[in-house]
Amino acid sequence: MTCKEAFQEISKYLDGELAADLKRVLDEHLCKCSHCKVVFDTTRKTIELYCNGKLFPMPERVRDRLHYALRRKFQQKAV
């Protein structure tokens, strides 16, 4: 399984809609690929936090970095 294929299946995996054989292949990939594991864990945690419905204040420093990154990204697309 490639990283691109793994990314395409993460949502189905987390929703419990992935066939058992494909789930096993994705689990094996996640054990070997730290980048995909980070994406998987972050996606899972984001869903858990969102579904929990609680809002958490974002530290000012993190918020400032996020805003800077978003502004930079939008400026790049505008060019």
N, C-alpha and C. Protein backbone atom coordinates (compact mmCIF):
# COMPACT_ATOMS: atom_id res chain seq x y z
N MET A 1 0.84 -1.18 0.00
CA MET A 1 0.00 0.00 0.00
C MET A 1 0.88 1.23 0.00
N THR A 2 0.55 2.18 -0.85
CA THR A 2 1.28 3.44 -0.90
C THR A 2 0.67 4.43 0.09
N CYS A 3 1.39 5.49 0.36
CA CYS A 3 0.88 6.54 1.25
C CYS A 3 -0.40 7.15 0.66
N LYS A 4 -0.41 7.37 -0.63
CA LYS A 4 -1.59 7.95 -1.27
C LYS A 4 -2.80 7.04 -1.07
N GLU A 5 -2.62 5.76 -1.25
CA GLU A 5 -3.72 4.80 -1.04
C GLU A 5 -4.16 4.80 0.43
N ALA A 6 -3.19 4.89 1.33
CA ALA A 6 -3.51 4.93 2.76
C ALA A 6 -4.36 6.15 3.09
N PHE A 7 -3.96 7.32 2.57
CA PHE A 7 -4.72 8.54 2.82
C PHE A 7 -6.16 8.41 2.34
N GLN A 8 -6.35 7.73 1.23
CA GLN A 8 -7.68 7.59 0.66
C GLN A 8 -8.57 6.67 1.50
N GLU A 9 -7.99 5.83 2.31
CA GLU A 9 -8.75 4.86 3.09
C GLU A 9 -8.92 5.23 4.56
N ILE A 10 -8.22 6.24 5.03
CA ILE A 10 -8.25 6.59 6.45
C ILE A 10 -9.67 6.90 6.92
N SER A 11 -10.41 7.64 6.16
CA SER A 11 -11.77 8.00 6.56
C SER A 11 -12.65 6.77 6.72
N LYS A 12 -12.59 5.86 5.75
CA LYS A 12 -13.38 4.62 5.85
C LYS A 12 -12.94 3.80 7.06
N TYR A 13 -11.65 3.76 7.30
CA TYR A 13 -11.12 3.02 8.45
C TYR A 13 -11.71 3.56 9.74
N LEU A 14 -11.64 4.88 9.90
CA LEU A 14 -12.12 5.50 11.13
C LEU A 14 -13.63 5.40 11.28
N ASP A 15 -14.34 5.32 10.17
CA ASP A 15 -15.80 5.17 10.20
C ASP A 15 -16.22 3.72 10.38
N GLY A 16 -15.25 2.79 10.39
CA GLY A 16 -15.55 1.37 10.55
C GLY A 16 -16.14 0.75 9.30
N GLU A 17 -15.86 1.37 8.14
CA GLU A 17 -16.44 0.91 6.88
C GLU A 17 -15.42 0.23 5.96
N LEU A 18 -14.25 -0.06 6.49
CA LEU A 18 -13.20 -0.66 5.68
C LEU A 18 -13.26 -2.18 5.79
N ALA A 19 -13.17 -2.85 4.65
CA ALA A 19 -13.18 -4.32 4.64
C ALA A 19 -12.01 -4.84 5.48
N ALA A 20 -12.20 -5.97 6.12
CA ALA A 20 -11.22 -6.52 7.05
C ALA A 20 -9.85 -6.72 6.41
N ASP A 21 -9.80 -7.22 5.18
CA ASP A 21 -8.50 -7.45 4.55
C ASP A 21 -7.78 -6.13 4.25
N LEU A 22 -8.53 -5.12 3.83
CA LEU A 22 -7.93 -3.82 3.56
C LEU A 22 -7.51 -3.13 4.85
N LYS A 23 -8.28 -3.34 5.90
CA LYS A 23 -7.93 -2.79 7.22
C LYS A 23 -6.60 -3.37 7.68
N ARG A 24 -6.41 -4.66 7.48
CA ARG A 24 -5.15 -5.32 7.88
C ARG A 24 -3.97 -4.73 7.11
N VAL A 25 -4.17 -4.52 5.79
CA VAL A 25 -3.10 -3.95 4.96
C VAL A 25 -2.79 -2.52 5.42
N LEU A 26 -3.82 -1.75 5.73
CA LEU A 26 -3.60 -0.37 6.19
C LEU A 26 -2.91 -0.38 7.55
N ASP A 27 -3.31 -1.28 8.44
CA ASP A 27 -2.64 -1.39 9.75
C ASP A 27 -1.15 -1.68 9.58
N GLU A 28 -0.82 -2.58 8.65
CA GLU A 28 0.59 -2.90 8.38
C GLU A 28 1.33 -1.68 7.87
N HIS A 29 0.69 -0.92 6.98
CA HIS A 29 1.33 0.28 6.44
C HIS A 29 1.56 1.30 7.56
N LEU A 30 0.55 1.47 8.43
CA LEU A 30 0.68 2.44 9.52
C LEU A 30 1.79 2.06 10.49
N CYS A 31 2.04 0.78 10.65
CA CYS A 31 3.13 0.34 11.52
C CYS A 31 4.50 0.67 10.95
N LYS A 32 4.58 0.74 9.63
CA LYS A 32 5.86 0.97 8.95
C LYS A 32 6.09 2.43 8.59
N CYS A 33 5.01 3.21 8.43
CA CYS A 33 5.13 4.57 7.90
C CYS A 33 4.74 5.59 8.97
N SER A 34 5.73 6.25 9.53
CA SER A 34 5.46 7.21 10.60
C SER A 34 4.67 8.41 10.10
N HIS A 35 4.86 8.81 8.85
CA HIS A 35 4.12 9.96 8.31
C HIS A 35 2.63 9.66 8.24
N CYS A 36 2.27 8.51 7.72
CA CYS A 36 0.86 8.13 7.63
C CYS A 36 0.27 7.91 9.02
N LYS A 37 1.06 7.39 9.94
CA LYS A 37 0.60 7.17 11.31
C LYS A 37 0.25 8.50 11.96
N VAL A 38 1.05 9.52 11.73
CA VAL A 38 0.77 10.84 12.28
C VAL A 38 -0.54 11.38 11.70
N VAL A 39 -0.71 11.26 10.38
CA VAL A 39 -1.95 11.71 9.74
C VAL A 39 -3.15 10.95 10.32
N PHE A 40 -3.01 9.65 10.44
CA PHE A 40 -4.09 8.82 10.98
C PHE A 40 -4.44 9.24 12.41
N ASP A 41 -3.44 9.34 13.26
CA ASP A 41 -3.67 9.68 14.67
C ASP A 41 -4.26 11.08 14.81
N THR A 42 -3.76 12.02 14.02
CA THR A 42 -4.26 13.39 14.08
C THR A 42 -5.71 13.46 13.61
N THR A 43 -6.02 12.74 12.54
CA THR A 43 -7.39 12.71 12.03
C THR A 43 -8.33 12.09 13.06
N ARG A 44 -7.91 10.98 13.63
CA ARG A 44 -8.72 10.31 14.66
C ARG A 44 -8.98 11.23 15.85
N LYS A 45 -7.93 11.89 16.32
CA LYS A 45 -8.06 12.78 17.47
C LYS A 45 -8.93 13.98 17.14
N THR A 46 -8.81 14.51 15.95
CA THR A 46 -9.64 15.65 15.53
C THR A 46 -11.11 15.25 15.54
N ILE A 47 -11.41 14.08 15.03
CA ILE A 47 -12.80 13.60 15.01
C ILE A 47 -13.30 13.42 16.44
N GLU A 48 -12.48 12.85 17.29
CA GLU A 48 -12.87 12.65 18.69
C GLU A 48 -13.17 13.99 19.36
N LEU A 49 -12.31 14.96 19.16
CA LEU A 49 -12.51 16.27 19.78
C LEU A 49 -13.75 16.96 19.22
N TYR A 50 -13.93 16.87 17.92
CA TYR A 50 -15.08 17.51 17.29
C TYR A 50 -16.37 16.86 17.78
N CYS A 51 -16.40 15.55 17.83
CA CYS A 51 -17.61 14.84 18.24
C CYS A 51 -17.90 15.05 19.72
N ASN A 52 -16.88 15.32 20.49
CA ASN A 52 -17.05 15.57 21.91
C ASN A 52 -17.76 16.90 22.13
N GLY A 53 -17.61 17.82 21.20
CA GLY A 53 -18.32 19.08 21.25
C GLY A 53 -17.74 20.12 22.19
N LYS A 54 -16.67 19.83 22.84
CA LYS A 54 -16.07 20.80 23.76
C LYS A 54 -15.10 21.69 22.99
N LEU A 55 -15.11 22.95 23.32
CA LEU A 55 -14.16 23.88 22.73
C LEU A 55 -12.99 24.07 23.68
N PHE A 56 -11.81 24.08 23.12
CA PHE A 56 -10.61 24.30 23.91
C PHE A 56 -9.94 25.57 23.42
N PRO A 57 -9.55 26.43 24.33
CA PRO A 57 -8.86 27.65 23.89
C PRO A 57 -7.50 27.31 23.28
N MET A 58 -7.22 27.96 22.18
CA MET A 58 -5.94 27.74 21.52
C MET A 58 -4.93 28.73 22.11
N PRO A 59 -3.77 28.23 22.49
CA PRO A 59 -2.75 29.14 23.01
C PRO A 59 -2.44 30.25 21.99
N GLU A 60 -2.23 31.44 22.47
CA GLU A 60 -2.02 32.60 21.60
C GLU A 60 -0.88 32.36 20.61
N ARG A 61 0.19 31.78 21.07
CA ARG A 61 1.35 31.54 20.21
C ARG A 61 0.99 30.58 19.06
N VAL A 62 0.23 29.55 19.37
CA VAL A 62 -0.20 28.58 18.35
C VAL A 62 -1.15 29.25 17.37
N ARG A 63 -2.09 30.04 17.90
CA ARG A 63 -3.05 30.76 17.05
C ARG A 63 -2.31 31.70 16.10
N ASP A 64 -1.33 32.42 16.61
CA ASP A 64 -0.56 33.35 15.76
C ASP A 64 0.18 32.61 14.65
N ARG A 65 0.77 31.47 14.97
CA ARG A 65 1.48 30.67 13.95
C ARG A 65 0.51 30.15 12.91
N LEU A 66 -0.66 29.71 13.35
CA LEU A 66 -1.68 29.22 12.43
C LEU A 66 -2.14 30.33 11.49
N HIS A 67 -2.43 31.49 12.03
CA HIS A 67 -2.87 32.62 11.20
C HIS A 67 -1.79 33.01 10.20
N TYR A 68 -0.54 33.03 10.65
CA TYR A 68 0.56 33.36 9.75
C TYR A 68 0.65 32.35 8.60
N ALA A 69 0.56 31.08 8.95
CA ALA A 69 0.65 30.03 7.92
C ALA A 69 -0.52 30.12 6.94
N LEU A 70 -1.70 30.38 7.43
CA LEU A 70 -2.86 30.51 6.54
C LEU A 70 -2.75 31.72 5.62
N ARG A 71 -2.32 32.85 6.18
CA ARG A 71 -2.13 34.04 5.35
C ARG A 71 -1.11 33.78 4.24
N ARG A 72 -0.01 33.14 4.60
CA ARG A 72 1.04 32.83 3.62
C ARG A 72 0.50 31.91 2.53
N LYS A 73 -0.27 30.91 2.92
CA LYS A 73 -0.84 29.96 1.96
C LYS A 73 -1.80 30.67 1.00
N PHE A 74 -2.66 31.52 1.52
CA PHE A 74 -3.61 32.25 0.68
C PHE A 74 -2.90 33.22 -0.25
N GLN A 75 -1.83 33.84 0.22
CA GLN A 75 -1.05 34.75 -0.64
C GLN A 75 -0.40 33.99 -1.78
N GLN A 76 0.09 32.79 -1.51
CA GLN A 76 0.71 31.97 -2.55
C GLN A 76 -0.31 31.60 -3.62
N LYS A 77 -1.54 31.29 -3.21
CA LYS A 77 -2.58 30.93 -4.18
C LYS A 77 -3.02 32.12 -5.00
N ALA A 78 -2.95 33.31 -4.41
CA ALA A 78 -3.38 34.52 -5.11
C ALA A 78 -2.42 34.92 -6.23
N VAL A 79 -1.19 34.46 -6.13
CA VAL A 79 -0.17 34.84 -7.12
C VAL A 79 -0.25 34.01 -8.35
